[in-house]
């Protein structure tokens, strides 16, 4: 089973590519294996998320996989920071396609015991693959040339699951999608991107980057006022304000099957009743990630 992912993509090349991207993103690309993939955020000076990406470190480039419509703006941001760096930023969004295969064992050519990023031949072309948990069970994101799409999908076989089904699975598993859930503009720790969260995307030991000072303060003080939780209710609206007794207490993401992930104030308790755009919902806490996540 596989699902098409609305995507955009950047390729960063040049001798300084790894150090340059390392200095912009929240996670440790330099410490990743080659090939390897890490989830990361690109923050503003207030520590708020501007972009979420998965960065693939390869022998000749850094590939940044983003949600649809994000690459052009991130490319413009990156180019503003190029001074003496030997790097080039190329938007590949029109040339590539991405699908998520729910079961990594179902991908021909993929080694389930291998590394987190792999490149191999499939259907007469080269594909880039990364182990990504979008449903609570690791699957594989496959990136390939648009002209090979028909052949790649035929080689995968199985059935296509709509994006709504993938959203339902990830919300049940407590895994946010920063863009689709509308969590851009908030602190990473508030929506599950912290170490030990469902989508760990921060390294507190990697060195400086835009927004790093705020991240260091939050690590030292542990005083983020919001966290990621799940809401349950009938007819929940997408991307609505969450209130309790008329007071704003958070924001909800995409609704899927009567559930929604939400950025909620920490003083709320499991079982508390809130309103999402006027619709009643109950609060559920998410299980913590394993210690080695």
Protein backbone atom coordinates (compact mmCIF):
# COMPACT_ATOMS: atom_id res chain seq x y z
CA UNK A 1 0.00 0.00 0.00
CA UNK A 2 1.34 3.41 -0.95
CA UNK A 3 0.21 7.04 -0.90
CA UNK A 4 1.21 9.96 -3.11
CA UNK A 5 2.69 12.80 -1.07
CA UNK A 6 2.15 16.42 -2.17
CA UNK A 7 5.79 17.50 -2.19
CA UNK A 8 8.41 20.02 -3.18
CA UNK A 9 12.18 19.59 -3.10
CA UNK A 10 15.52 21.37 -3.07
CA UNK A 11 18.98 20.11 -3.99
CA UNK A 12 21.95 21.81 -2.36
CA UNK A 13 25.35 21.19 -3.97
CA UNK A 14 28.87 22.55 -3.63
CA UNK A 15 31.86 21.96 -1.38
CA UNK A 16 30.25 23.70 1.62
CA UNK A 17 26.79 22.13 1.25
CA UNK A 18 26.70 20.14 4.52
CA UNK A 19 28.14 22.90 6.71
CA UNK A 20 25.88 25.49 5.09
CA UNK A 21 22.65 23.53 5.62
CA UNK A 22 23.86 22.51 9.10
CA UNK A 23 24.01 26.18 10.02
CA UNK A 24 20.36 26.71 9.08
CA UNK A 25 18.53 23.64 10.43
CA UNK A 26 17.65 22.41 13.92
CA UNK A 27 18.97 18.84 13.64
CA UNK A 28 22.48 17.46 13.20
CA UNK A 29 23.09 16.81 9.51
CA UNK A 30 26.85 16.77 9.93
CA UNK A 31 26.57 13.90 12.41
CA UNK A 32 24.32 11.83 10.17
CA UNK A 33 25.79 8.95 8.15
CA UNK A 34 26.30 9.24 4.40
CA UNK A 35 23.79 8.42 3.07
CA UNK A 36 21.41 9.34 5.86
CA UNK A 37 18.23 11.28 6.55
CA UNK A 38 17.18 13.51 9.45
CA UNK A 39 14.00 15.42 10.17
CA UNK A 40 14.57 19.12 10.84
CA UNK A 41 13.05 22.53 11.18
CA UNK A 42 14.15 25.88 9.80
CA UNK A 43 13.31 28.55 12.38
CA UNK A 44 13.05 32.32 12.55
CA UNK A 45 15.01 34.37 15.09
CA UNK A 46 12.22 33.86 17.66
CA UNK A 47 12.62 30.09 17.43
CA UNK A 48 9.35 29.58 15.58
CA UNK A 49 9.03 27.07 12.75
CA UNK A 50 9.21 28.52 9.26
CA UNK A 51 9.71 25.24 7.39
CA UNK A 52 9.81 21.55 8.19
CA UNK A 53 11.88 19.22 6.01
CA UNK A 54 13.64 15.89 5.84
CA UNK A 55 17.25 16.38 4.86
CA UNK A 56 19.00 13.59 2.96
CA UNK A 57 22.79 13.68 3.20
CA UNK A 58 24.38 12.06 0.14
CA UNK A 59 27.83 11.86 -1.40
CA UNK A 60 27.31 14.73 -3.84
CA UNK A 61 24.45 16.79 -2.45
CA UNK A 62 21.92 17.51 0.28
CA UNK A 63 18.34 16.79 -0.76
CA UNK A 64 15.59 18.60 1.16
CA UNK A 65 12.13 17.07 0.95
CA UNK A 66 9.31 19.45 1.90
CA UNK A 67 5.55 19.63 1.68
CA UNK A 68 4.03 21.01 -1.52
CA UNK A 69 4.62 24.69 -2.19
CA UNK A 70 7.41 25.13 0.36
CA UNK A 71 10.59 24.82 -1.71
CA UNK A 72 10.57 28.20 -3.44
CA UNK A 73 10.33 30.15 -0.19
CA UNK A 74 12.96 28.02 1.57
CA UNK A 75 15.28 28.41 -1.43
CA UNK A 76 14.93 32.19 -1.21
CA UNK A 77 15.73 32.09 2.50
CA UNK A 78 18.80 29.90 2.01
CA UNK A 79 20.14 32.09 -0.79
CA UNK A 80 19.96 35.14 1.49
CA UNK A 81 22.47 33.46 3.79
CA UNK A 82 24.98 32.54 1.08
CA UNK A 83 27.95 34.88 1.48
CA UNK A 84 31.27 33.16 0.88
CA UNK A 85 29.83 29.63 0.95
CA UNK A 86 30.47 27.43 -2.06
CA UNK A 87 26.91 26.19 -2.48
CA UNK A 88 24.15 26.22 -5.06
CA UNK A 89 20.44 25.76 -4.34
CA UNK A 90 18.24 24.19 -7.01
CA UNK A 91 14.46 23.73 -6.92
CA UNK A 92 13.60 20.23 -8.18
CA UNK A 93 9.89 20.31 -7.35
CA UNK A 94 8.73 20.06 -10.95
CA UNK A 95 11.01 17.14 -11.76
CA UNK A 96 10.39 14.76 -8.85
CA UNK A 97 7.54 12.78 -7.35
CA UNK A 98 7.25 11.17 -3.92
CA UNK A 99 5.16 8.33 -2.53
CA UNK A 100 5.09 6.82 0.93
CA UNK A 101 5.05 3.03 1.06
CA UNK A 102 3.41 2.02 4.34
CA UNK A 103 5.34 -1.25 4.79
CA UNK A 104 9.10 -1.05 4.17
CA UNK A 105 9.18 -4.78 3.40
CA UNK A 106 7.01 -4.09 0.33
CA UNK A 107 9.61 -1.97 -1.50
CA UNK A 108 11.61 -3.88 -4.15
CA UNK A 109 15.30 -3.12 -3.70
CA UNK A 110 14.98 -1.65 -0.20
CA UNK A 111 16.96 -3.33 2.58
CA UNK A 112 14.92 -3.26 5.82
CA UNK A 113 18.12 -3.97 7.79
CA UNK A 114 20.01 -1.21 5.98
CA UNK A 115 20.49 2.46 6.70
CA UNK A 116 17.84 5.16 6.97
CA UNK A 117 18.55 6.43 3.44
CA UNK A 118 19.24 4.19 0.45
CA UNK A 119 19.57 4.60 -3.31
CA UNK A 120 18.79 1.76 -5.69
CA UNK A 121 17.44 0.92 -9.14
CA UNK A 122 13.70 0.44 -9.54
CA UNK A 123 11.70 0.17 -12.76
CA UNK A 124 14.62 1.27 -14.91
CA UNK A 125 15.48 4.36 -12.91
CA UNK A 126 17.29 5.39 -9.74
CA UNK A 127 15.19 6.12 -6.66
CA UNK A 128 16.11 7.77 -3.38
CA UNK A 129 14.44 6.13 -0.40
CA UNK A 130 14.23 7.11 3.26
CA UNK A 131 12.85 5.30 6.29
CA UNK A 132 10.06 7.53 7.61
CA UNK A 133 7.42 6.78 10.25
CA UNK A 134 4.18 8.38 9.09
CA UNK A 135 1.72 5.87 10.57
CA UNK A 136 3.23 4.55 13.80
CA UNK A 137 5.13 1.86 11.87
CA UNK A 138 8.22 2.72 9.80
CA UNK A 139 7.59 2.91 6.06
CA UNK A 140 9.59 4.27 3.15
CA UNK A 141 9.40 7.59 1.32
CA UNK A 142 10.36 7.00 -2.32
CA UNK A 143 11.62 9.95 -4.40
CA UNK A 144 11.94 9.51 -8.17
CA UNK A 145 11.82 11.38 -11.46
CA UNK A 146 8.36 12.37 -12.63
CA UNK A 147 8.91 10.67 -15.98
CA UNK A 148 9.42 7.34 -14.18
CA UNK A 149 6.25 7.63 -12.08
CA UNK A 150 4.10 5.17 -14.01
CA UNK A 151 6.81 2.50 -14.06
CA UNK A 152 7.70 2.95 -10.38
CA UNK A 153 4.09 2.67 -9.24
CA UNK A 154 3.61 -0.42 -11.39
CA UNK A 155 6.72 -1.99 -9.82
CA UNK A 156 5.41 -1.28 -6.34
CA UNK A 157 2.14 -3.04 -7.04
CA UNK A 158 -0.38 -3.13 -4.22
CA UNK A 159 -3.08 -0.52 -3.89
CA UNK A 160 -3.01 3.24 -3.61
CA UNK A 161 -4.27 4.59 -0.30
CA UNK A 162 -5.57 8.16 -0.42
CA UNK A 163 -3.87 10.92 1.53
CA UNK A 164 -6.88 11.05 3.85
CA UNK A 165 -6.14 7.47 4.93
CA UNK A 166 -2.52 8.35 5.68
CA UNK A 167 -3.64 11.37 7.68
CA UNK A 168 -6.00 9.17 9.67
CA UNK A 169 -3.25 6.70 10.50
CA UNK A 170 -0.75 9.35 11.55
CA UNK A 171 -3.26 11.23 13.73
CA UNK A 172 -4.19 7.97 15.48
CA UNK A 173 -0.46 7.36 16.00
CA UNK A 174 0.06 10.90 17.31
CA UNK A 175 2.47 11.98 14.54
CA UNK A 176 2.13 15.62 13.44
CA UNK A 177 2.51 16.92 9.92
CA UNK A 178 3.75 20.45 10.51
CA UNK A 179 2.47 21.95 7.26
CA UNK A 180 -0.78 20.03 6.85
CA UNK A 181 -1.69 20.50 10.52
CA UNK A 182 -0.98 24.22 10.29
CA UNK A 183 1.70 24.25 12.99
CA UNK A 184 4.05 26.60 11.16
CA UNK A 185 4.83 29.66 13.26
CA UNK A 186 5.05 27.93 16.66
CA UNK A 187 7.92 26.58 18.74
CA UNK A 188 9.09 23.05 17.81
CA UNK A 189 8.75 21.83 21.41
CA UNK A 190 5.06 22.73 21.38
CA UNK A 191 4.13 20.35 18.54
CA UNK A 192 6.13 17.18 19.11
CA UNK A 193 9.46 18.02 17.45
CA UNK A 194 11.54 17.94 20.63
CA UNK A 195 13.89 15.12 21.61
CA UNK A 196 11.68 12.23 22.74
CA UNK A 197 8.67 13.60 20.87
CA UNK A 198 6.77 11.74 18.14
CA UNK A 199 8.73 13.59 15.44
CA UNK A 200 12.18 14.38 16.93
CA UNK A 201 13.81 17.10 14.84
CA UNK A 202 16.14 18.99 17.21
CA UNK A 203 19.72 18.52 18.35
CA UNK A 204 20.79 20.59 21.34
CA UNK A 205 24.47 19.79 20.72
CA UNK A 206 24.95 20.67 17.04
CA UNK A 207 26.05 24.30 17.28
CA UNK A 208 24.59 27.57 16.09
CA UNK A 209 21.70 28.08 13.67
CA UNK A 210 18.93 30.62 13.27
CA UNK A 211 16.74 30.39 16.40
CA UNK A 212 19.26 28.27 18.34
CA UNK A 213 19.47 30.67 21.30
CA UNK A 214 15.73 30.25 21.97
CA UNK A 215 16.07 26.46 21.72
CA UNK A 216 18.91 26.50 24.25
CA UNK A 217 16.83 28.56 26.69
CA UNK A 218 13.92 26.15 26.38
CA UNK A 219 16.19 23.16 26.97
CA UNK A 220 17.69 24.79 30.07
CA UNK A 221 14.41 26.01 31.56
CA UNK A 222 11.92 23.52 30.15
CA UNK A 223 9.25 26.21 30.14
CA UNK A 224 7.33 25.74 26.89
CA UNK A 225 3.71 26.47 27.79
CA UNK A 226 2.18 24.19 25.16
CA UNK A 227 2.59 20.59 24.09
CA UNK A 228 1.16 18.22 21.49
CA UNK A 229 -2.01 16.37 22.47
CA UNK A 230 -4.90 14.70 20.69
CA UNK A 231 -8.55 15.72 20.64
CA UNK A 232 -11.52 13.42 20.14
CA UNK A 233 -14.95 14.57 19.04
CA UNK A 234 -17.60 14.35 16.34
CA UNK A 235 -17.51 16.84 13.47
CA UNK A 236 -14.28 18.56 14.47
CA UNK A 237 -13.28 21.36 12.07
CA UNK A 238 -9.80 21.58 10.57
CA UNK A 239 -7.27 24.14 11.82
CA UNK A 240 -9.60 25.71 14.38
CA UNK A 241 -8.92 27.56 17.61
CA UNK A 242 -9.29 25.49 20.79
CA UNK A 243 -11.06 27.18 23.69
CA UNK A 244 -12.19 26.32 27.20
CA UNK A 245 -14.79 28.39 28.99
CA UNK A 246 -14.28 31.07 26.36
CA UNK A 247 -10.50 31.25 26.81
CA UNK A 248 -8.07 30.34 24.02
CA UNK A 249 -6.04 27.27 25.04
CA UNK A 250 -4.54 26.09 21.75
CA UNK A 251 -5.01 25.30 18.10
CA UNK A 252 -6.11 22.12 16.34
CA UNK A 253 -4.64 20.60 13.23
CA UNK A 254 -6.22 18.49 10.52
CA UNK A 255 -9.27 16.44 11.51
CA UNK A 256 -9.19 12.75 10.66
CA UNK A 257 -11.79 10.22 11.72
CA UNK A 258 -13.05 12.22 14.69
CA UNK A 259 -9.51 12.90 15.94
CA UNK A 260 -7.23 15.90 15.69
CA UNK A 261 -3.73 16.66 16.92
CA UNK A 262 -3.50 19.96 18.71
CA UNK A 263 -1.09 22.38 20.31
CA UNK A 264 -2.57 22.72 23.78
CA UNK A 265 -1.68 24.50 27.00
CA UNK A 266 -0.01 22.14 29.44
CA UNK A 267 -2.36 22.83 32.33
CA UNK A 268 -5.15 20.95 30.55
CA UNK A 269 -5.66 17.40 31.82
CA UNK A 270 -6.55 14.21 29.99
CA UNK A 271 -10.32 13.97 29.82
CA UNK A 272 -10.89 17.71 29.99
CA UNK A 273 -13.56 18.96 27.60
CA UNK A 274 -12.68 21.81 25.27
CA UNK A 275 -14.24 23.33 22.17
CA UNK A 276 -12.69 23.22 18.70
CA UNK A 277 -14.28 25.95 16.66
CA UNK A 278 -17.33 25.60 18.93
CA UNK A 279 -17.46 21.77 18.68
CA UNK A 280 -16.94 19.83 21.96
CA UNK A 281 -13.90 17.56 22.18
CA UNK A 282 -12.08 15.66 24.90
CA UNK A 283 -8.34 15.87 25.54
CA UNK A 284 -6.10 12.81 25.18
CA UNK A 285 -2.41 12.72 26.06
CA UNK A 286 0.01 11.05 23.68
CA UNK A 287 2.21 8.19 24.82
CA UNK A 288 5.88 9.24 25.15
CA UNK A 289 8.28 8.08 22.48
CA UNK A 290 10.71 5.27 23.35
CA UNK A 291 13.95 6.45 24.94
CA UNK A 292 15.98 5.46 21.87
CA UNK A 293 13.69 7.22 19.35
